[in-house]
Structures are given as structure tokens and as C-alpha cells.
Protein backbone atom coordinates (compact mmCIF):
# COMPACT_ATOMS: atom_id res chain seq x y z
CA UNK A 1 -62.14 -135.42 269.21
CA UNK A 2 -65.36 -133.74 268.06
CA UNK A 3 -68.99 -134.36 268.27
CA UNK A 4 -70.83 -135.80 265.32
CA UNK A 5 -75.08 -135.52 264.77
CA UNK A 6 -76.46 -139.02 263.17
CA UNK A 7 -78.72 -139.84 260.76
CA UNK A 8 -81.58 -139.68 263.58
CA UNK A 9 -81.85 -136.35 263.31
CA UNK A 10 -82.56 -135.80 259.78
CA UNK A 11 -86.36 -134.80 259.82
CA UNK A 12 -86.83 -134.05 263.07
CA UNK A 13 -84.25 -131.48 263.66
CA UNK A 14 -84.64 -131.02 267.59
CA UNK A 15 -82.66 -128.13 268.94
CA UNK A 16 -82.38 -129.08 272.83
CA UNK A 17 -78.52 -129.49 271.94
CA UNK A 18 -78.04 -125.94 270.59
CA UNK A 19 -79.12 -124.15 273.60
CA UNK A 20 -76.28 -125.66 275.67
CA UNK A 21 -73.38 -125.07 273.23
CA UNK A 22 -70.93 -122.96 274.71
CA UNK A 23 -69.06 -122.02 271.17
CA UNK A 24 -71.78 -121.91 268.93
CA UNK A 25 -70.55 -124.98 266.59
CA UNK A 26 -74.36 -126.13 265.74
CA UNK A 27 -75.51 -125.12 261.69
CA UNK A 28 -78.90 -125.77 261.03
CA UNK A 29 -80.28 -126.78 257.42
CA UNK A 30 -83.27 -127.45 256.13
CA UNK A 31 -83.96 -130.98 258.26
CA UNK A 32 -81.12 -131.42 259.81
CA UNK A 33 -78.34 -129.77 261.96
CA UNK A 34 -74.47 -130.65 261.96
CA UNK A 35 -71.76 -129.83 264.29
CA UNK A 36 -68.20 -128.28 262.56
CA UNK A 37 -65.50 -130.28 263.88
CA UNK A 38 -63.06 -127.39 263.92
CA UNK A 39 -65.40 -125.27 266.25
CA UNK A 40 -66.51 -127.95 268.79
CA UNK A 41 -64.30 -128.15 272.15
CA UNK A 42 -65.70 -131.86 273.31
CA UNK A 43 -67.99 -130.29 276.16
CA UNK A 44 -70.12 -133.24 275.75
CA UNK A 45 -73.19 -130.74 277.25
CA UNK A 46 -75.20 -131.32 273.69
CA UNK A 47 -75.08 -135.03 273.94
CA UNK A 48 -77.43 -135.83 276.65
CA UNK A 49 -79.79 -133.32 275.64
CA UNK A 50 -80.54 -135.00 272.22
CA UNK A 51 -84.14 -136.50 272.91
CA UNK A 52 -83.61 -138.88 270.10
CA UNK A 53 -79.92 -139.96 270.67
CA UNK A 54 -78.46 -138.49 267.24
CA UNK A 55 -75.12 -137.17 268.97
CA UNK A 56 -72.31 -139.04 269.43
CA UNK A 57 -68.31 -138.36 270.00
CA UNK A 58 -66.83 -139.11 266.65
CA UNK A 59 -64.91 -142.35 267.97
CA UNK A 60 -67.95 -143.88 269.27
CA UNK A 61 -69.92 -143.31 265.77
CA UNK A 62 -71.26 -146.79 264.53
CA UNK A 63 -69.57 -148.38 261.62
CA UNK A 64 -72.68 -148.09 259.34
CA UNK A 65 -72.66 -143.93 260.01
CA UNK A 66 -69.39 -143.40 260.15
CA UNK A 67 -69.82 -140.95 256.68
CA UNK A 68 -71.56 -138.58 259.33
CA UNK A 69 -68.18 -137.58 260.68
CA UNK A 70 -67.23 -136.23 257.07
CA UNK A 71 -70.89 -135.20 256.34
CA UNK A 72 -71.02 -132.77 259.60
CA UNK A 73 -67.51 -131.18 258.89
CA UNK A 74 -68.76 -130.77 254.74
CA UNK A 75 -72.15 -129.30 255.64
CA UNK A 76 -71.09 -126.75 258.54
CA UNK A 77 -69.30 -125.06 255.59
CA UNK A 78 -72.16 -124.57 253.41
CA UNK A 79 -72.90 -121.18 252.45
CA UNK A 80 -76.73 -121.76 253.10
CA UNK A 81 -76.11 -123.69 256.70
CA UNK A 82 -76.22 -121.07 259.26
CA UNK A 83 -75.18 -120.89 262.91
CA UNK A 84 -78.18 -121.71 265.38
CA UNK A 85 -77.72 -120.95 268.76
CA UNK A 86 -81.35 -121.05 270.04
CA UNK A 87 -83.56 -123.45 271.01
CA UNK A 88 -86.65 -123.67 268.18
CA UNK A 89 -89.28 -126.13 267.82
CA UNK A 90 -88.42 -129.58 266.22
CA UNK A 91 -89.55 -130.17 262.53
CA UNK A 92 -93.71 -130.68 262.74
CA UNK A 93 -93.88 -134.41 261.41
CA UNK A 94 -90.57 -135.21 264.08
CA UNK A 95 -92.88 -137.83 265.42
CA UNK A 96 -93.53 -139.82 262.14
CA UNK A 97 -89.75 -139.85 261.84
CA UNK A 98 -88.57 -141.31 264.92
CA UNK A 99 -86.85 -144.86 264.24
CA UNK A 100 -86.96 -144.68 260.70
CA UNK A 101 -83.91 -146.27 259.02
CA UNK A 102 -81.88 -144.65 255.82
CA UNK A 103 -83.28 -141.56 256.53
CA UNK A 104 -80.08 -140.13 254.63
CA UNK A 105 -82.17 -140.40 251.88
CA UNK A 106 -84.06 -137.31 253.13
CA UNK A 107 -81.53 -135.27 253.97
CA UNK A 108 -81.85 -131.73 252.32
CA UNK A 109 -77.97 -131.15 251.92
CA UNK A 110 -78.29 -127.19 250.45
CA UNK A 111 -80.67 -124.62 251.04
CA UNK A 112 -81.85 -123.59 254.93
């Protein structure tokens, strides 16, 4: 098992979760965070820290977001996505993105 960052994080990118991660398994892209499943130790410290409920253990990911399990694994290996282990401000317009559906269409998968 590993934890997974879900669609709710896109365009928000709160980083409360990374500050509590004991193994630095979060990776940062331009408008999204991911968890490297090979580095996650399933400690569950990150999940309650997320203010938008964007982190779930992989076996509790809603069916319509199952593709985020693979997406986290792939993007955590992207050369431009870097380890993040300190809290930063959320994206400036994060409030207007809270609760928006289909944010996957806004995901910047490339440069950080």
C-alpha cells in the first residue's frame, strides 16, 4: 500500500502534507503534488494534513480516480518534478479551484 494524491490537489497544491512526511516521498510539479509509491512508508501522517482531502491510501481511492495511482508513480519519476519537504504557500488562486470537477484537464505534467 501507498498513499496517493488525487485530483483535488490540482491547481491548489497545499503543502501541509510534505512538512510531516518522514521520508520525503512528495514530488512537486507546477500545479500538483504526487507521492512516489516506492518511497512511501504508509505512515498516514500526510492524509489528515491535507485541507482539501486530496490524499488517500491506494486501496481507498474512488473508482473514478484510480488512474491517479499510476499518475503519482509516473510523475514522481519525471526529471522536472523535484522532492518537496518544506511547507510553501498554496497556489495564489487555490480558493477558486476548490471543489471544481475535472481538474485533470488543467494538470501541467511537465516542467516544475
